[in-house]
């Protein structure tokens, strides 16, 4: 593995305060929007028909598997924790403060952006339309939080975050394609199980996957060392030459 002379990522207290502030604010807004919402009533259930679901998503209304849902929950926890594997690298361990900050920001934005959409959209989950699902399973506020998939968002943001950092810290490693392939495949399994279990429509997980990939890519990107150019006057009085100081 190639070893880096210095970190490819930087920590700026002012920038971090803004990023954390935005993420936390979104989380507060999520809670404020969801707090007054009421669960679906039995009367409202009678109005739902799978014929009103678009043809692309309709297949999910036939799915129901509590076991698959539980497995997806377990795999999600593993996915969220997976970037911590990078701490076994000495290059990453030297930057534990910056890495930890980016890791927490990745989780916060994956959660807060997802629930902001859920709170605004209030889309019924596929199992609402499935007559085989017990009525009691449908009578809760969670049954209206289908769009978009938090599991998919967090799984893919963790996958891209882990893979991006691995590639940046070990640019010469032959393991890079395998890391990308393994993490994205694991995230895809989580997403698939959410449809198979009847918890989400295909459009929910596709949107979540796109959002997660963007978050997992952008958080490291905004922390990369920026190339800056300073123009400094040359110390020789009689010279009109300027010297350039390049900082990375």
C-alpha atoms as a PDB file:
ATOM      1  CA  UNK A   1       0.000   0.000   0.000  1.00  0.00           C
ATOM      2  CA  UNK A   2       1.164   3.484  -0.759  1.00  0.00           C
ATOM      3  CA  UNK A   3       1.887   5.602   2.295  1.00  0.00           C
ATOM      4  CA  UNK A   4       0.926   9.279   2.361  1.00  0.00           C
ATOM      5  CA  UNK A   5       3.334  11.930   3.637  1.00  0.00           C
ATOM      6  CA  UNK A   6       0.425  13.977   4.997  1.00  0.00           C
ATOM      7  CA  UNK A   7      -3.304  13.703   5.364  1.00  0.00           C
ATOM      8  CA  UNK A   8      -5.478  14.207   2.316  1.00  0.00           C
ATOM      9  CA  UNK A   9      -8.175  15.633   4.591  1.00  0.00           C
ATOM     10  CA  UNK A  10      -8.241  18.709   6.788  1.00  0.00           C
ATOM     11  CA  UNK A  11     -10.156  19.915   9.836  1.00  0.00           C
ATOM     12  CA  UNK A  12     -11.380  23.495  10.131  1.00  0.00           C
ATOM     13  CA  UNK A  13     -13.307  24.353  13.297  1.00  0.00           C
ATOM     14  CA  UNK A  14     -15.395  27.075  11.630  1.00  0.00           C
ATOM     15  CA  UNK A  15     -16.374  24.836   8.724  1.00  0.00           C
ATOM     16  CA  UNK A  16     -17.217  21.956  11.047  1.00  0.00           C
ATOM     17  CA  UNK A  17     -19.401  24.212  13.184  1.00  0.00           C
ATOM     18  CA  UNK A  18     -21.399  25.174  10.087  1.00  0.00           C
ATOM     19  CA  UNK A  19     -21.709  21.587   8.842  1.00  0.00           C
ATOM     20  CA  UNK A  20     -22.777  20.249  12.232  1.00  0.00           C
ATOM     21  CA  UNK A  21     -25.116  23.197  12.698  1.00  0.00           C
ATOM     22  CA  UNK A  22     -26.891  22.524   9.413  1.00  0.00           C
ATOM     23  CA  UNK A  23     -27.140  18.791  10.106  1.00  0.00           C
ATOM     24  CA  UNK A  24     -28.493  19.237  13.618  1.00  0.00           C
ATOM     25  CA  UNK A  25     -30.928  21.942  12.494  1.00  0.00           C
ATOM     26  CA  UNK A  26     -32.327  19.601   9.846  1.00  0.00           C
ATOM     27  CA  UNK A  27     -32.774  16.935  12.511  1.00  0.00           C
ATOM     28  CA  UNK A  28     -34.710  19.351  14.711  1.00  0.00           C
ATOM     29  CA  UNK A  29     -36.915  20.374  11.784  1.00  0.00           C
ATOM     30  CA  UNK A  30     -37.584  16.682  11.082  1.00  0.00           C
ATOM     31  CA  UNK A  31     -38.836  16.141  14.623  1.00  0.00           C
ATOM     32  CA  UNK A  32     -40.966  19.283  14.592  1.00  0.00           C
ATOM     33  CA  UNK A  33     -42.631  18.214  11.345  1.00  0.00           C
ATOM     34  CA  UNK A  34     -43.264  14.646  12.511  1.00  0.00           C
ATOM     35  CA  UNK A  35     -44.445  15.438  16.034  1.00  0.00           C
ATOM     36  CA  UNK A  36     -48.003  16.563  15.135  1.00  0.00           C
ATOM     37  CA  UNK A  37     -48.539  13.740  12.621  1.00  0.00           C
ATOM     38  CA  UNK A  38     -51.115  11.100  13.513  1.00  0.00           C
ATOM     39  CA  UNK A  39     -51.103   7.383  12.636  1.00  0.00           C
ATOM     40  CA  UNK A  40     -53.341   6.079   9.870  1.00  0.00           C
ATOM     41  CA  UNK A  41     -56.813   5.245  11.110  1.00  0.00           C
ATOM     42  CA  UNK A  42     -58.844   2.151  10.224  1.00  0.00           C
ATOM     43  CA  UNK A  43     -61.214   4.359   8.248  1.00  0.00           C
ATOM     44  CA  UNK A  44     -58.326   5.726   6.172  1.00  0.00           C
ATOM     45  CA  UNK A  45     -56.999   2.230   5.467  1.00  0.00           C
ATOM     46  CA  UNK A  46     -60.127   1.437   3.482  1.00  0.00           C
ATOM     47  CA  UNK A  47     -59.239   4.166   0.981  1.00  0.00           C
ATOM     48  CA  UNK A  48     -55.908   2.628  -0.043  1.00  0.00           C
ATOM     49  CA  UNK A  49     -55.841   0.558  -3.219  1.00  0.00           C
ATOM     50  CA  UNK A  50     -52.760  -0.818  -4.946  1.00  0.00           C
ATOM     51  CA  UNK A  51     -54.360   0.209  -8.237  1.00  0.00           C
ATOM     52  CA  UNK A  52     -53.499   3.780  -7.263  1.00  0.00           C
ATOM     53  CA  UNK A  53     -49.806   2.916  -7.060  1.00  0.00           C
ATOM     54  CA  UNK A  54     -47.735   3.496 -10.200  1.00  0.00           C
ATOM     55  CA  UNK A  55     -46.890   0.373 -12.207  1.00  0.00           C
ATOM     56  CA  UNK A  56     -43.156   0.585 -11.443  1.00  0.00           C
ATOM     57  CA  UNK A  57     -43.700   0.487  -7.666  1.00  0.00           C
ATOM     58  CA  UNK A  58     -46.785  -1.712  -7.517  1.00  0.00           C
ATOM     59  CA  UNK A  59     -44.872  -4.974  -7.203  1.00  0.00           C
ATOM     60  CA  UNK A  60     -43.797  -3.996  -3.684  1.00  0.00           C
ATOM     61  CA  UNK A  61     -47.416  -3.934  -2.488  1.00  0.00           C
ATOM     62  CA  UNK A  62     -47.476  -7.745  -2.667  1.00  0.00           C
ATOM     63  CA  UNK A  63     -44.433  -8.136  -0.418  1.00  0.00           C
ATOM     64  CA  UNK A  64     -44.377  -8.752   3.325  1.00  0.00           C
ATOM     65  CA  UNK A  65     -41.584 -10.329   5.375  1.00  0.00           C
ATOM     66  CA  UNK A  66     -40.870  -9.300   8.982  1.00  0.00           C
ATOM     67  CA  UNK A  67     -37.807 -11.581   8.890  1.00  0.00           C
ATOM     68  CA  UNK A  68     -36.335  -9.766   5.883  1.00  0.00           C
ATOM     69  CA  UNK A  69     -37.024  -6.468   7.616  1.00  0.00           C
ATOM     70  CA  UNK A  70     -35.148  -7.610  10.728  1.00  0.00           C
ATOM     71  CA  UNK A  71     -32.212  -8.869   8.662  1.00  0.00           C
ATOM     72  CA  UNK A  72     -32.041  -5.510   6.871  1.00  0.00           C
ATOM     73  CA  UNK A  73     -31.935  -3.762  10.264  1.00  0.00           C
ATOM     74  CA  UNK A  74     -28.991  -5.910  11.350  1.00  0.00           C
ATOM     75  CA  UNK A  75     -27.128  -5.384   8.077  1.00  0.00           C
ATOM     76  CA  UNK A  76     -27.738  -1.650   8.326  1.00  0.00           C
ATOM     77  CA  UNK A  77     -26.009  -1.516  11.721  1.00  0.00           C
ATOM     78  CA  UNK A  78     -23.077  -3.392  10.201  1.00  0.00           C
ATOM     79  CA  UNK A  79     -23.014  -0.980   7.243  1.00  0.00           C
ATOM     80  CA  UNK A  80     -23.028   2.117   9.452  1.00  0.00           C
ATOM     81  CA  UNK A  81     -20.200   0.695  11.570  1.00  0.00           C
ATOM     82  CA  UNK A  82     -18.169  -0.536   8.578  1.00  0.00           C
ATOM     83  CA  UNK A  83     -16.172   2.705   8.000  1.00  0.00           C
ATOM     84  CA  UNK A  84     -14.622   2.200  11.446  1.00  0.00           C
ATOM     85  CA  UNK A  85     -12.688  -0.645   9.804  1.00  0.00           C
ATOM     86  CA  UNK A  86     -10.492   2.078   8.313  1.00  0.00           C
ATOM     87  CA  UNK A  87      -9.059   2.853  11.748  1.00  0.00           C
ATOM     88  CA  UNK A  88      -6.934  -0.286  11.362  1.00  0.00           C
ATOM     89  CA  UNK A  89      -4.894   1.715   8.828  1.00  0.00           C
ATOM     90  CA  UNK A  90      -2.034   3.722  10.303  1.00  0.00           C
ATOM     91  CA  UNK A  91      -2.649   6.492   7.744  1.00  0.00           C
ATOM     92  CA  UNK A  92      -6.238   6.897   8.909  1.00  0.00           C
ATOM     93  CA  UNK A  93      -5.414   6.436  12.580  1.00  0.00           C
ATOM     94  CA  UNK A  94      -3.112   9.460  12.433  1.00  0.00           C
ATOM     95  CA  UNK A  95      -6.137  11.503  11.369  1.00  0.00           C
ATOM     96  CA  UNK A  96      -8.561  10.031  13.880  1.00  0.00           C
ATOM     97  CA  UNK A  97      -9.957  13.464  14.780  1.00  0.00           C
ATOM     98  CA  UNK A  98     -10.724  14.459  11.201  1.00  0.00           C
ATOM     99  CA  UNK A  99     -11.914  10.959  10.333  1.00  0.00           C
ATOM    100  CA  UNK A 100     -14.263  10.827  13.338  1.00  0.00           C
ATOM    101  CA  UNK A 101     -15.703  14.229  12.440  1.00  0.00           C
ATOM    102  CA  UNK A 102     -16.399  13.203   8.853  1.00  0.00           C
ATOM    103  CA  UNK A 103     -17.849   9.886  10.003  1.00  0.00           C
ATOM    104  CA  UNK A 104     -20.329  11.540  12.376  1.00  0.00           C
ATOM    105  CA  UNK A 105     -21.288  14.137   9.750  1.00  0.00           C
ATOM    106  CA  UNK A 106     -21.925  11.353   7.244  1.00  0.00           C
ATOM    107  CA  UNK A 107     -24.331   9.651   9.653  1.00  0.00           C
ATOM    108  CA  UNK A 108     -26.065  12.879  10.688  1.00  0.00           C
ATOM    109  CA  UNK A 109     -26.784  14.032   7.134  1.00  0.00           C
ATOM    110  CA  UNK A 110     -27.864  10.572   6.013  1.00  0.00           C
ATOM    111  CA  UNK A 111     -30.423  10.540   8.811  1.00  0.00           C
ATOM    112  CA  UNK A 112     -31.593  14.155   8.772  1.00  0.00           C
ATOM    113  CA  UNK A 113     -32.060  14.506   5.001  1.00  0.00           C
ATOM    114  CA  UNK A 114     -33.937  11.212   4.815  1.00  0.00           C
ATOM    115  CA  UNK A 115     -36.337  12.086   7.607  1.00  0.00           C
ATOM    116  CA  UNK A 116     -36.884  15.573   6.248  1.00  0.00           C
ATOM    117  CA  UNK A 117     -38.207  13.992   3.051  1.00  0.00           C
ATOM    118  CA  UNK A 118     -40.249  11.459   5.027  1.00  0.00           C
ATOM    119  CA  UNK A 119     -41.821  14.181   7.173  1.00  0.00           C
ATOM    120  CA  UNK A 120     -42.767  16.257   4.132  1.00  0.00           C
ATOM    121  CA  UNK A 121     -43.942  13.457   1.838  1.00  0.00           C
ATOM    122  CA  UNK A 122     -45.673  11.102   4.317  1.00  0.00           C
ATOM    123  CA  UNK A 123     -45.880   8.380   1.675  1.00  0.00           C
ATOM    124  CA  UNK A 124     -47.616   5.158   2.808  1.00  0.00           C
ATOM    125  CA  UNK A 125     -45.397   2.087   2.866  1.00  0.00           C
ATOM    126  CA  UNK A 126     -46.144  -0.748   0.410  1.00  0.00           C
ATOM    127  CA  UNK A 127     -47.514  -3.035   3.104  1.00  0.00           C
ATOM    128  CA  UNK A 128     -50.370  -0.586   3.659  1.00  0.00           C
ATOM    129  CA  UNK A 129     -51.818  -1.857   0.386  1.00  0.00           C
ATOM    130  CA  UNK A 130     -51.249  -5.528   1.207  1.00  0.00           C
ATOM    131  CA  UNK A 131     -54.393  -7.235   2.491  1.00  0.00           C
ATOM    132  CA  UNK A 132     -52.271 -10.058   3.952  1.00  0.00           C
ATOM    133  CA  UNK A 133     -50.639  -7.743   6.496  1.00  0.00           C
ATOM    134  CA  UNK A 134     -52.324  -7.543   9.939  1.00  0.00           C
ATOM    135  CA  UNK A 135     -54.227  -4.291  10.436  1.00  0.00           C
ATOM    136  CA  UNK A 136     -52.384  -3.522  13.686  1.00  0.00           C
ATOM    137  CA  UNK A 137     -49.106  -3.406  11.755  1.00  0.00           C
ATOM    138  CA  UNK A 138     -50.486  -0.547   9.708  1.00  0.00           C
ATOM    139  CA  UNK A 139     -51.832   1.651  12.507  1.00  0.00           C
ATOM    140  CA  UNK A 140     -48.675   3.618  13.364  1.00  0.00           C
ATOM    141  CA  UNK A 141     -46.967   6.775  12.147  1.00  0.00           C
ATOM    142  CA  UNK A 142     -44.098   4.707  10.738  1.00  0.00           C
ATOM    143  CA  UNK A 143     -46.417   3.229   8.117  1.00  0.00           C
ATOM    144  CA  UNK A 144     -46.499   6.629   6.377  1.00  0.00           C
ATOM    145  CA  UNK A 145     -42.728   7.157   6.193  1.00  0.00           C
ATOM    146  CA  UNK A 146     -41.888   5.311   2.995  1.00  0.00           C
ATOM    147  CA  UNK A 147     -40.213   8.033   0.924  1.00  0.00           C
ATOM    148  CA  UNK A 148     -37.374   7.769   0.830  1.00  0.00           C
ATOM    149  CA  UNK A 149     -35.567   4.786   2.309  1.00  0.00           C
ATOM    150  CA  UNK A 150     -33.379   5.614   5.299  1.00  0.00           C
ATOM    151  CA  UNK A 151     -31.839   2.140   5.213  1.00  0.00           C
ATOM    152  CA  UNK A 152     -30.838   2.593   1.590  1.00  0.00           C
ATOM    153  CA  UNK A 153     -29.495   6.104   2.192  1.00  0.00           C
ATOM    154  CA  UNK A 154     -27.383   5.132   5.187  1.00  0.00           C
ATOM    155  CA  UNK A 155     -26.127   1.889   3.647  1.00  0.00           C
ATOM    156  CA  UNK A 156     -24.961   3.598   0.455  1.00  0.00           C
ATOM    157  CA  UNK A 157     -23.535   6.670   2.206  1.00  0.00           C
ATOM    158  CA  UNK A 158     -21.492   4.369   4.447  1.00  0.00           C
ATOM    159  CA  UNK A 159     -20.353   2.302   1.456  1.00  0.00           C
ATOM    160  CA  UNK A 160     -19.217   5.292  -0.604  1.00  0.00           C
ATOM    161  CA  UNK A 161     -17.692   7.020   2.432  1.00  0.00           C
ATOM    162  CA  UNK A 162     -15.646   3.934   3.351  1.00  0.00           C
ATOM    163  CA  UNK A 163     -14.543   3.239  -0.221  1.00  0.00           C
ATOM    164  CA  UNK A 164     -13.657   6.864  -0.982  1.00  0.00           C
ATOM    165  CA  UNK A 165     -11.483   7.192   2.113  1.00  0.00           C
ATOM    166  CA  UNK A 166      -9.805   3.836   1.494  1.00  0.00           C
ATOM    167  CA  UNK A 167      -8.931   4.898  -2.051  1.00  0.00           C
ATOM    168  CA  UNK A 168      -7.638   8.308  -0.942  1.00  0.00           C
ATOM    169  CA  UNK A 169      -5.499   6.958   1.882  1.00  0.00           C
ATOM    170  CA  UNK A 170      -4.203   3.999  -0.138  1.00  0.00           C
ATOM    171  CA  UNK A 171      -4.111   5.206  -3.761  1.00  0.00           C
ATOM    172  CA  UNK A 172      -1.820   2.394  -4.900  1.00  0.00           C
ATOM    173  CA  UNK A 173      -3.690  -0.473  -3.297  1.00  0.00           C
ATOM    174  CA  UNK A 174      -4.833  -3.348  -5.490  1.00  0.00           C
ATOM    175  CA  UNK A 175      -7.735  -3.831  -3.071  1.00  0.00           C
ATOM    176  CA  UNK A 176      -9.558  -0.655  -4.158  1.00  0.00           C
ATOM    177  CA  UNK A 177     -11.896  -2.350  -6.712  1.00  0.00           C
ATOM    178  CA  UNK A 178     -12.723  -5.090  -4.201  1.00  0.00           C
ATOM    179  CA  UNK A 179     -13.504  -2.584  -1.453  1.00  0.00           C
ATOM    180  CA  UNK A 180     -15.838  -0.660  -3.760  1.00  0.00           C
ATOM    181  CA  UNK A 181     -17.468  -3.831  -5.034  1.00  0.00           C
ATOM    182  CA  UNK A 182     -17.977  -5.356  -1.595  1.00  0.00           C
ATOM    183  CA  UNK A 183     -19.383  -2.240   0.065  1.00  0.00           C
ATOM    184  CA  UNK A 184     -21.752  -1.391  -2.780  1.00  0.00           C
ATOM    185  CA  UNK A 185     -22.955  -4.994  -2.979  1.00  0.00           C
ATOM    186  CA  UNK A 186     -23.656  -5.022   0.764  1.00  0.00           C
ATOM    187  CA  UNK A 187     -25.590  -1.749   0.458  1.00  0.00           C
ATOM    188  CA  UNK A 188     -27.565  -3.195  -2.451  1.00  0.00           C
ATOM    189  CA  UNK A 189     -28.559  -6.212  -0.341  1.00  0.00           C
ATOM    190  CA  UNK A 190     -29.891  -3.899   2.377  1.00  0.00           C
ATOM    191  CA  UNK A 191     -31.862  -1.942  -0.218  1.00  0.00           C
ATOM    192  CA  UNK A 192     -33.274  -5.089  -1.831  1.00  0.00           C
ATOM    193  CA  UNK A 193     -34.440  -6.460   1.519  1.00  0.00           C
ATOM    194  CA  UNK A 194     -36.388  -3.261   2.165  1.00  0.00           C
ATOM    195  CA  UNK A 195     -38.451  -3.911  -0.976  1.00  0.00           C
ATOM    196  CA  UNK A 196     -38.691  -7.649  -0.348  1.00  0.00           C
ATOM    197  CA  UNK A 197     -39.971  -7.016   3.184  1.00  0.00           C
ATOM    198  CA  UNK A 198     -42.699  -4.666   1.963  1.00  0.00           C
ATOM    199  CA  UNK A 199     -41.211  -1.672   3.758  1.00  0.00           C
ATOM    200  CA  UNK A 200     -40.316   0.341   0.671  1.00  0.00           C
ATOM    201  CA  UNK A 201     -41.110   0.865  -2.990  1.00  0.00           C
ATOM    202  CA  UNK A 202     -38.340   0.511  -5.586  1.00  0.00           C
ATOM    203  CA  UNK A 203     -38.416   4.286  -6.142  1.00  0.00           C
ATOM    204  CA  UNK A 204     -37.806   4.784  -2.397  1.00  0.00           C
ATOM    205  CA  UNK A 205     -34.617   2.758  -2.397  1.00  0.00           C
ATOM    206  CA  UNK A 206     -33.338   4.187  -5.683  1.00  0.00           C
ATOM    207  CA  UNK A 207     -33.777   7.719  -4.354  1.00  0.00           C
ATOM    208  CA  UNK A 208     -32.147   6.689  -1.078  1.00  0.00           C
ATOM    209  CA  UNK A 209     -29.227   5.093  -2.914  1.00  0.00           C
ATOM    210  CA  UNK A 210     -28.600   8.242  -4.961  1.00  0.00           C
ATOM    211  CA  UNK A 211     -28.864  10.476  -1.881  1.00  0.00           C
ATOM    212  CA  UNK A 212     -26.576   8.176   0.102  1.00  0.00           C
ATOM    213  CA  UNK A 213     -23.935   8.058  -2.630  1.00  0.00           C
ATOM    214  CA  UNK A 214     -23.921  11.858  -2.854  1.00  0.00           C
ATOM    215  CA  UNK A 215     -23.578  12.274   0.920  1.00  0.00           C
ATOM    216  CA  UNK A 216     -20.854   9.639   1.173  1.00  0.00           C
ATOM    217  CA  UNK A 217     -18.931  11.335  -1.627  1.00  0.00           C
ATOM    218  CA  UNK A 218     -19.452  14.991  -0.704  1.00  0.00           C
ATOM    219  CA  UNK A 219     -18.554  14.785   2.993  1.00  0.00           C
ATOM    220  CA  UNK A 220     -14.974  13.622   2.250  1.00  0.00           C
ATOM    221  CA  UNK A 221     -14.745  15.967  -0.755  1.00  0.00           C
ATOM    222  CA  UNK A 222     -15.392  19.142   1.240  1.00  0.00           C
ATOM    223  CA  UNK A 223     -12.716  18.069   3.722  1.00  0.00           C
ATOM    224  CA  UNK A 224      -9.982  17.491   1.169  1.00  0.00           C
ATOM    225  CA  UNK A 225      -6.905  19.696   1.374  1.00  0.00           C
ATOM    226  CA  UNK A 226      -7.394  22.496  -1.119  1.00  0.00           C
ATOM    227  CA  UNK A 227      -4.550  23.662  -3.302  1.00  0.00           C
ATOM    228  CA  UNK A 228      -3.868  27.306  -2.615  1.00  0.00           C
ATOM    229  CA  UNK A 229      -1.543  29.728  -4.341  1.00  0.00           C
ATOM    230  CA  UNK A 230       0.036  32.692  -2.597  1.00  0.00           C
ATOM    231  CA  UNK A 231       1.829  35.432  -4.519  1.00  0.00           C
ATOM    232  CA  UNK A 232       4.586  36.932  -2.434  1.00  0.00           C
ATOM    233  CA  UNK A 233       6.940  39.786  -3.407  1.00  0.00           C
ATOM    234  CA  UNK A 234      10.527  38.691  -3.892  1.00  0.00           C
ATOM    235  CA  UNK A 235      12.864  39.964  -1.172  1.00  0.00           C
ATOM    236  CA  UNK A 236      15.288  41.470  -3.738  1.00  0.00           C
ATOM    237  CA  UNK A 237      14.376  45.197  -3.907  1.00  0.00           C
ATOM    238  CA  UNK A 238      15.604  45.728  -7.437  1.00  0.00           C
ATOM    239  CA  UNK A 239      13.687  42.810  -8.837  1.00  0.00           C
ATOM    240  CA  UNK A 240      10.182  42.816 -10.228  1.00  0.00           C
ATOM    241  CA  UNK A 241       9.963  39.022  -9.977  1.00  0.00           C
ATOM    242  CA  UNK A 242       7.293  37.441  -7.787  1.00  0.00           C
ATOM    243  CA  UNK A 243       7.698  34.115  -6.024  1.00  0.00           C
ATOM    244  CA  UNK A 244       4.866  31.595  -5.710  1.00  0.00           C
ATOM    245  CA  UNK A 245       4.257  29.624  -2.550  1.00  0.00           C
ATOM    246  CA  UNK A 246       2.129  26.517  -3.177  1.00  0.00           C
ATOM    247  CA  UNK A 247       0.476  24.984  -0.121  1.00  0.00           C
ATOM    248  CA  UNK A 248      -1.322  21.655  -0.094  1.00  0.00           C
END
